[in-house]
Every structure is written in C-alpha cells, then in structure tokens.
Amino acid sequence: MYKFIGMDVDIIGFMVIFLLFIGLIAFGSIMTALMVRKTNTRAPRKLSFLVLGLLILHWIFWLSNGYEWFTDQVAEAIFNPIWGVLCAAGLAASLYEWRHNKSFAFPVGALSGTTLMFIILINGITSM
C-alpha cells in the first residue's frame, strides 16, 4: 500500500482494473469484427491499414523496451507526441471506416481508445 495525501491506494488493484478494461475492449473488438465481417463488401483504405500497423508496431516497440536505446531527454520528448499522433490518426481512420467497413473500424477505434487511456495513465503515474 502506498499513502497519497492520507489515502491508502492500491496501485496493483488499479492496474488489474485497467488491464481488465483493456481485455474487455479487445474481446469486444474481436467479437464485433466476427459478427459484422460478413455484411461488409468494401475493403478498408490503405491509410487505415497503415495507421493500424503503426499502432501495433509502436506498441511492440514500447513493450520490448525500445525507448531504452534513447537518452532520457529524447525518450521523454518523443514518447507522448508519437502516442498522441497515432491515437488521433487511429480515431480519424476509425470514424472514416465506420461508414464503409464497421468490422475494421471497431478494432482500430478500440486500439486507439486503449492507447488514449494508456497515455492518460502514464501521464498520471509520472505526475505523482
């Protein structure tokens, strides 16, 4: 337990809730993609595939500790802007694809939403 301004806060409990929420989003994305897949006939745009690929690539880069290769100042300077731009591009691609291909729009939007929640979580942890 950590004490923050007179309150007992269980950091591990918050992380478990956060990971469960991300798991629910991933499960919902997969189920929606499977249910709506047969009703769409139009393929997603190449830009939407690019945004989804960049989001996945950046998550893999972060999870494999790719930011350790940079100095602390460089890593801090590029971490939030890259996540923010990818999140905005993913949400824009999701909104565009929602009209044409819902089975592709929901996973892109869910991954972008998860990225946005992750940015907020990381900024909250680092400001403590």
N, C-alpha and C. Protein backbone atom coordinates (compact mmCIF):
# COMPACT_ATOMS: atom_id res chain seq x y z
N MET A 1 0.83 -1.18 0.00
CA MET A 1 0.00 0.00 0.00
C MET A 1 0.87 1.24 0.00
N TYR A 2 0.46 2.20 -0.77
CA TYR A 2 1.13 3.49 -0.81
C TYR A 2 0.19 4.53 -0.22
N LYS A 3 0.76 5.51 0.45
CA LYS A 3 -0.06 6.56 1.05
C LYS A 3 0.11 7.82 0.22
N PHE A 4 -1.03 8.32 -0.28
CA PHE A 4 -1.07 9.57 -1.02
C PHE A 4 -2.06 10.50 -0.33
N ILE A 5 -1.58 11.53 0.28
CA ILE A 5 -2.39 12.56 0.93
C ILE A 5 -3.44 11.94 1.85
N GLY A 6 -3.01 11.05 2.72
CA GLY A 6 -3.89 10.49 3.72
C GLY A 6 -4.77 9.34 3.24
N MET A 7 -4.65 8.92 1.98
CA MET A 7 -5.48 7.84 1.47
C MET A 7 -4.60 6.62 1.20
N ASP A 8 -5.16 5.46 1.44
CA ASP A 8 -4.46 4.23 1.07
C ASP A 8 -4.87 3.88 -0.35
N VAL A 9 -3.89 3.77 -1.22
CA VAL A 9 -4.15 3.49 -2.63
C VAL A 9 -3.45 2.20 -3.00
N ASP A 10 -4.17 1.30 -3.58
CA ASP A 10 -3.60 0.04 -4.02
C ASP A 10 -3.32 0.14 -5.51
N ILE A 11 -2.06 0.39 -5.86
CA ILE A 11 -1.65 0.57 -7.25
C ILE A 11 -1.89 -0.71 -8.04
N ILE A 12 -1.64 -1.85 -7.45
CA ILE A 12 -1.82 -3.12 -8.16
C ILE A 12 -3.29 -3.32 -8.50
N GLY A 13 -4.17 -2.94 -7.61
CA GLY A 13 -5.60 -3.06 -7.88
C GLY A 13 -6.04 -2.20 -9.05
N PHE A 14 -5.51 -0.96 -9.11
CA PHE A 14 -5.83 -0.10 -10.24
C PHE A 14 -5.31 -0.68 -11.55
N MET A 15 -4.13 -1.27 -11.50
CA MET A 15 -3.57 -1.86 -12.72
C MET A 15 -4.38 -3.07 -13.17
N VAL A 16 -4.87 -3.86 -12.23
CA VAL A 16 -5.69 -5.02 -12.59
C VAL A 16 -7.00 -4.55 -13.24
N ILE A 17 -7.61 -3.53 -12.67
CA ILE A 17 -8.84 -2.99 -13.26
C ILE A 17 -8.56 -2.43 -14.65
N PHE A 18 -7.46 -1.73 -14.82
CA PHE A 18 -7.08 -1.16 -16.12
C PHE A 18 -6.86 -2.28 -17.14
N LEU A 19 -6.16 -3.34 -16.76
CA LEU A 19 -5.91 -4.45 -17.68
C LEU A 19 -7.19 -5.21 -18.00
N LEU A 20 -8.10 -5.34 -17.05
CA LEU A 20 -9.39 -5.97 -17.34
C LEU A 20 -10.19 -5.13 -18.34
N PHE A 21 -10.15 -3.83 -18.19
CA PHE A 21 -10.84 -2.93 -19.12
C PHE A 21 -10.27 -3.07 -20.53
N ILE A 22 -8.95 -3.14 -20.65
CA ILE A 22 -8.31 -3.33 -21.95
C ILE A 22 -8.68 -4.69 -22.52
N GLY A 23 -8.73 -5.72 -21.68
CA GLY A 23 -9.14 -7.04 -22.14
C GLY A 23 -10.57 -7.06 -22.65
N LEU A 24 -11.46 -6.35 -21.97
CA LEU A 24 -12.84 -6.26 -22.45
C LEU A 24 -12.93 -5.56 -23.79
N ILE A 25 -12.13 -4.52 -23.98
CA ILE A 25 -12.12 -3.82 -25.26
C ILE A 25 -11.61 -4.75 -26.36
N ALA A 26 -10.56 -5.50 -26.08
CA ALA A 26 -10.01 -6.43 -27.08
C ALA A 26 -11.02 -7.53 -27.41
N PHE A 27 -11.68 -8.08 -26.40
CA PHE A 27 -12.69 -9.11 -26.62
C PHE A 27 -13.86 -8.56 -27.44
N GLY A 28 -14.29 -7.36 -27.09
CA GLY A 28 -15.38 -6.73 -27.85
C GLY A 28 -14.99 -6.45 -29.28
N SER A 29 -13.74 -6.06 -29.50
CA SER A 29 -13.25 -5.81 -30.86
C SER A 29 -13.29 -7.07 -31.69
N ILE A 30 -12.83 -8.16 -31.14
CA ILE A 30 -12.79 -9.42 -31.88
C ILE A 30 -14.21 -9.91 -32.17
N MET A 31 -15.07 -9.84 -31.18
CA MET A 31 -16.45 -10.31 -31.38
C MET A 31 -17.18 -9.45 -32.40
N THR A 32 -16.99 -8.14 -32.35
CA THR A 32 -17.64 -7.27 -33.32
C THR A 32 -17.11 -7.53 -34.71
N ALA A 33 -15.81 -7.72 -34.83
CA ALA A 33 -15.24 -8.00 -36.14
C ALA A 33 -15.78 -9.30 -36.72
N LEU A 34 -15.96 -10.29 -35.88
CA LEU A 34 -16.50 -11.57 -36.35
C LEU A 34 -17.98 -11.47 -36.73
N MET A 35 -18.75 -10.68 -35.99
CA MET A 35 -20.18 -10.57 -36.27
C MET A 35 -20.48 -9.71 -37.49
N VAL A 36 -19.72 -8.63 -37.68
CA VAL A 36 -20.04 -7.69 -38.74
C VAL A 36 -19.28 -8.00 -40.03
N ARG A 37 -18.33 -8.88 -39.98
CA ARG A 37 -17.46 -9.16 -41.11
C ARG A 37 -18.22 -9.53 -42.38
N LYS A 38 -19.26 -10.30 -42.26
CA LYS A 38 -19.96 -10.82 -43.43
C LYS A 38 -20.85 -9.78 -44.10
N THR A 39 -21.17 -8.69 -43.43
CA THR A 39 -22.08 -7.70 -44.01
C THR A 39 -21.36 -6.65 -44.83
N ASN A 40 -20.06 -6.56 -44.74
CA ASN A 40 -19.32 -5.52 -45.46
C ASN A 40 -18.69 -6.09 -46.72
N THR A 41 -18.79 -5.34 -47.78
CA THR A 41 -18.20 -5.79 -49.04
C THR A 41 -17.04 -4.90 -49.47
N ARG A 42 -16.89 -3.74 -48.88
CA ARG A 42 -15.85 -2.80 -49.29
C ARG A 42 -14.60 -2.99 -48.42
N ALA A 43 -13.46 -3.04 -49.06
CA ALA A 43 -12.19 -3.22 -48.33
C ALA A 43 -11.79 -1.92 -47.64
N PRO A 44 -11.07 -2.01 -46.51
CA PRO A 44 -10.60 -0.79 -45.84
C PRO A 44 -9.56 -0.06 -46.69
N ARG A 45 -9.41 1.22 -46.42
CA ARG A 45 -8.42 2.03 -47.15
C ARG A 45 -7.02 1.66 -46.71
N LYS A 46 -6.06 1.92 -47.59
CA LYS A 46 -4.67 1.61 -47.28
C LYS A 46 -4.16 2.46 -46.12
N LEU A 47 -4.65 3.69 -46.02
CA LEU A 47 -4.24 4.56 -44.92
C LEU A 47 -4.69 3.99 -43.57
N SER A 48 -5.86 3.36 -43.55
CA SER A 48 -6.34 2.74 -42.31
C SER A 48 -5.47 1.55 -41.93
N PHE A 49 -5.06 0.77 -42.92
CA PHE A 49 -4.13 -0.33 -42.65
C PHE A 49 -2.80 0.21 -42.13
N LEU A 50 -2.34 1.32 -42.70
CA LEU A 50 -1.08 1.93 -42.27
C LEU A 50 -1.17 2.39 -40.81
N VAL A 51 -2.26 3.04 -40.46
CA VAL A 51 -2.44 3.52 -39.08
C VAL A 51 -2.49 2.34 -38.11
N LEU A 52 -3.25 1.30 -38.45
CA LEU A 52 -3.32 0.12 -37.59
C LEU A 52 -1.95 -0.53 -37.45
N GLY A 53 -1.22 -0.65 -38.54
CA GLY A 53 0.13 -1.22 -38.49
C GLY A 53 1.08 -0.40 -37.63
N LEU A 54 1.01 0.93 -37.74
CA LEU A 54 1.86 1.79 -36.92
C LEU A 54 1.50 1.70 -35.44
N LEU A 55 0.22 1.61 -35.14
CA LEU A 55 -0.18 1.45 -33.74
C LEU A 55 0.36 0.15 -33.16
N ILE A 56 0.21 -0.93 -33.89
CA ILE A 56 0.71 -2.23 -33.41
C ILE A 56 2.23 -2.21 -33.31
N LEU A 57 2.90 -1.63 -34.32
CA LEU A 57 4.35 -1.56 -34.30
C LEU A 57 4.85 -0.74 -33.12
N HIS A 58 4.19 0.36 -32.82
CA HIS A 58 4.63 1.19 -31.71
C HIS A 58 4.37 0.52 -30.37
N TRP A 59 3.27 -0.22 -30.24
CA TRP A 59 3.04 -0.98 -29.01
C TRP A 59 4.13 -2.04 -28.83
N ILE A 60 4.49 -2.73 -29.90
CA ILE A 60 5.55 -3.74 -29.82
C ILE A 60 6.87 -3.09 -29.45
N PHE A 61 7.16 -1.92 -30.05
CA PHE A 61 8.40 -1.19 -29.74
C PHE A 61 8.44 -0.80 -28.27
N TRP A 62 7.30 -0.32 -27.74
CA TRP A 62 7.28 0.09 -26.34
C TRP A 62 7.38 -1.12 -25.42
N LEU A 63 6.65 -2.20 -25.72
CA LEU A 63 6.68 -3.38 -24.86
C LEU A 63 8.04 -4.08 -24.87
N SER A 64 8.81 -3.93 -25.93
CA SER A 64 10.13 -4.55 -25.99
C SER A 64 11.22 -3.60 -25.50
N ASN A 65 10.83 -2.53 -24.79
CA ASN A 65 11.75 -1.56 -24.20
C ASN A 65 12.62 -0.87 -25.25
N GLY A 66 12.04 -0.49 -26.35
CA GLY A 66 12.77 0.21 -27.40
C GLY A 66 13.20 1.61 -27.00
N TYR A 67 12.48 2.22 -26.06
CA TYR A 67 12.84 3.58 -25.63
C TYR A 67 14.09 3.61 -24.78
N GLU A 68 14.58 2.47 -24.33
CA GLU A 68 15.82 2.45 -23.56
C GLU A 68 17.03 2.74 -24.43
N TRP A 69 16.90 2.61 -25.73
CA TRP A 69 18.01 2.90 -26.63
C TRP A 69 18.30 4.39 -26.71
N PHE A 70 17.30 5.22 -26.38
CA PHE A 70 17.46 6.66 -26.46
C PHE A 70 17.88 7.21 -25.10
N THR A 71 18.40 8.42 -25.11
CA THR A 71 18.68 9.09 -23.85
C THR A 71 17.35 9.47 -23.20
N ASP A 72 17.39 9.80 -21.92
CA ASP A 72 16.14 10.13 -21.22
C ASP A 72 15.44 11.34 -21.80
N GLN A 73 16.21 12.36 -22.18
CA GLN A 73 15.60 13.57 -22.72
C GLN A 73 14.92 13.31 -24.06
N VAL A 74 15.56 12.52 -24.92
CA VAL A 74 14.98 12.22 -26.23
C VAL A 74 13.75 11.34 -26.07
N ALA A 75 13.81 10.35 -25.20
CA ALA A 75 12.68 9.46 -24.99
C ALA A 75 11.48 10.22 -24.44
N GLU A 76 11.71 11.13 -23.50
CA GLU A 76 10.62 11.92 -22.95
C GLU A 76 10.05 12.88 -23.98
N ALA A 77 10.89 13.37 -24.88
CA ALA A 77 10.42 14.33 -25.89
C ALA A 77 9.60 13.67 -26.99
N ILE A 78 9.87 12.41 -27.30
CA ILE A 78 9.15 11.78 -28.41
C ILE A 78 8.05 10.81 -27.96
N PHE A 79 8.01 10.42 -26.71
CA PHE A 79 7.05 9.40 -26.27
C PHE A 79 5.61 9.88 -26.41
N ASN A 80 5.23 10.95 -25.75
CA ASN A 80 3.85 11.42 -25.79
C ASN A 80 3.41 11.91 -27.16
N PRO A 81 4.23 12.68 -27.90
CA PRO A 81 3.76 13.10 -29.22
C PRO A 81 3.49 11.95 -30.18
N ILE A 82 4.32 10.92 -30.16
CA ILE A 82 4.10 9.79 -31.05
C ILE A 82 2.80 9.07 -30.68
N TRP A 83 2.59 8.82 -29.40
CA TRP A 83 1.36 8.15 -28.97
C TRP A 83 0.15 9.01 -29.32
N GLY A 84 0.25 10.32 -29.09
CA GLY A 84 -0.87 11.21 -29.37
C GLY A 84 -1.23 11.27 -30.84
N VAL A 85 -0.23 11.38 -31.70
CA VAL A 85 -0.49 11.44 -33.14
C VAL A 85 -1.08 10.13 -33.63
N LEU A 86 -0.54 9.01 -33.17
CA LEU A 86 -1.08 7.71 -33.59
C LEU A 86 -2.51 7.51 -33.08
N CYS A 87 -2.79 7.99 -31.88
CA CYS A 87 -4.14 7.88 -31.33
C CYS A 87 -5.12 8.72 -32.16
N ALA A 88 -4.74 9.95 -32.48
CA ALA A 88 -5.62 10.81 -33.28
C ALA A 88 -5.83 10.24 -34.68
N ALA A 89 -4.76 9.74 -35.29
CA ALA A 89 -4.88 9.15 -36.63
C ALA A 89 -5.76 7.90 -36.59
N GLY A 90 -5.63 7.10 -35.54
CA GLY A 90 -6.45 5.90 -35.41
C GLY A 90 -7.92 6.23 -35.23
N LEU A 91 -8.21 7.24 -34.43
CA LEU A 91 -9.61 7.64 -34.24
C LEU A 91 -10.19 8.22 -35.52
N ALA A 92 -9.39 8.99 -36.28
CA ALA A 92 -9.86 9.53 -37.55
C ALA A 92 -10.10 8.40 -38.56
N ALA A 93 -9.21 7.45 -38.62
CA ALA A 93 -9.39 6.31 -39.53
C ALA A 93 -10.61 5.49 -39.12
N SER A 94 -10.82 5.35 -37.83
CA SER A 94 -11.97 4.59 -37.34
C SER A 94 -13.28 5.29 -37.70
N LEU A 95 -13.31 6.61 -37.55
CA LEU A 95 -14.52 7.35 -37.91
C LEU A 95 -14.80 7.27 -39.40
N TYR A 96 -13.77 7.33 -40.23
CA TYR A 96 -13.98 7.21 -41.67
C TYR A 96 -14.45 5.81 -42.05
N GLU A 97 -13.81 4.81 -41.48
CA GLU A 97 -14.15 3.43 -41.83
C GLU A 97 -15.50 3.00 -41.25
N TRP A 98 -16.02 3.71 -40.27
CA TRP A 98 -17.28 3.33 -39.66
C TRP A 98 -18.42 3.33 -40.67
N ARG A 99 -18.38 4.25 -41.63
CA ARG A 99 -19.42 4.30 -42.65
C ARG A 99 -19.28 3.18 -43.67
N HIS A 100 -18.06 2.75 -43.94
CA HIS A 100 -17.83 1.83 -45.04
C HIS A 100 -17.53 0.40 -44.60
N ASN A 101 -16.86 0.24 -43.47
CA ASN A 101 -16.42 -1.08 -43.07
C ASN A 101 -16.36 -1.15 -41.54
N LYS A 102 -17.48 -1.48 -40.92
CA LYS A 102 -17.55 -1.48 -39.46
C LYS A 102 -16.68 -2.55 -38.81
N SER A 103 -16.47 -3.65 -39.51
CA SER A 103 -15.66 -4.72 -38.92
C SER A 103 -14.19 -4.33 -38.81
N PHE A 104 -13.74 -3.37 -39.59
CA PHE A 104 -12.37 -2.88 -39.47
C PHE A 104 -12.32 -1.65 -38.58
N ALA A 105 -13.39 -0.88 -38.55
CA ALA A 105 -13.40 0.38 -37.79
C ALA A 105 -13.37 0.14 -36.29
N PHE A 106 -14.07 -0.87 -35.81
CA PHE A 106 -14.14 -1.07 -34.37
C PHE A 106 -12.80 -1.49 -33.77
N PRO A 107 -12.06 -2.44 -34.34
CA PRO A 107 -10.74 -2.76 -33.76
C PRO A 107 -9.76 -1.59 -33.80
N VAL A 108 -9.77 -0.81 -34.88
CA VAL A 108 -8.88 0.35 -34.95
C VAL A 108 -9.27 1.38 -33.89
N GLY A 109 -10.56 1.62 -33.75
CA GLY A 109 -11.03 2.56 -32.73
C GLY A 109 -10.75 2.07 -31.32
N ALA A 110 -10.91 0.77 -31.09
CA ALA A 110 -10.65 0.23 -29.75
C ALA A 110 -9.17 0.32 -29.41
N LEU A 111 -8.31 0.01 -30.37
CA LEU A 111 -6.86 0.13 -30.11
C LEU A 111 -6.46 1.58 -29.90
N SER A 112 -7.06 2.49 -30.65
CA SER A 112 -6.77 3.91 -30.44
C SER A 112 -7.29 4.39 -29.09
N GLY A 113 -8.47 3.92 -28.69
CA GLY A 113 -9.00 4.28 -27.38
C GLY A 113 -8.16 3.73 -26.25
N THR A 114 -7.68 2.50 -26.41
CA THR A 114 -6.78 1.91 -25.42
C THR A 114 -5.50 2.71 -25.33
N THR A 115 -4.99 3.14 -26.47
CA THR A 115 -3.79 3.98 -26.49
C THR A 115 -4.02 5.29 -25.77
N LEU A 116 -5.19 5.90 -26.00
CA LEU A 116 -5.51 7.15 -25.32
C LEU A 116 -5.59 6.95 -23.81
N MET A 117 -6.24 5.86 -23.37
CA MET A 117 -6.30 5.58 -21.93
C MET A 117 -4.90 5.32 -21.36
N PHE A 118 -4.06 4.66 -22.14
CA PHE A 118 -2.70 4.39 -21.69
C PHE A 118 -1.91 5.69 -21.54
N ILE A 119 -2.07 6.62 -22.47
CA ILE A 119 -1.39 7.91 -22.37
C ILE A 119 -1.81 8.63 -21.09
N ILE A 120 -3.11 8.62 -20.82
CA ILE A 120 -3.62 9.28 -19.61
C ILE A 120 -3.08 8.60 -18.36
N LEU A 121 -3.03 7.26 -18.35
CA LEU A 121 -2.49 6.52 -17.22
C LEU A 121 -1.01 6.83 -17.00
N ILE A 122 -0.23 6.81 -18.06
CA ILE A 122 1.20 7.10 -17.93
C ILE A 122 1.43 8.53 -17.45
N ASN A 123 0.69 9.49 -17.99
CA ASN A 123 0.85 10.86 -17.52
C ASN A 123 0.44 11.01 -16.06
N GLY A 124 -0.58 10.27 -15.63
CA GLY A 124 -0.98 10.30 -14.24
C GLY A 124 0.05 9.72 -13.32
N ILE A 125 0.65 8.60 -13.74
CA ILE A 125 1.68 7.96 -12.91
C ILE A 125 2.93 8.83 -12.81
N THR A 126 3.34 9.43 -13.93
CA THR A 126 4.56 10.22 -13.91
C THR A 126 4.39 11.56 -13.19
N SER A 127 3.15 12.03 -13.04
CA SER A 127 2.96 13.30 -12.34
C SER A 127 2.84 13.11 -10.84
N MET A 128 2.84 11.88 -10.35
CA MET A 128 2.75 11.65 -8.90
C MET A 128 4.05 12.00 -8.20
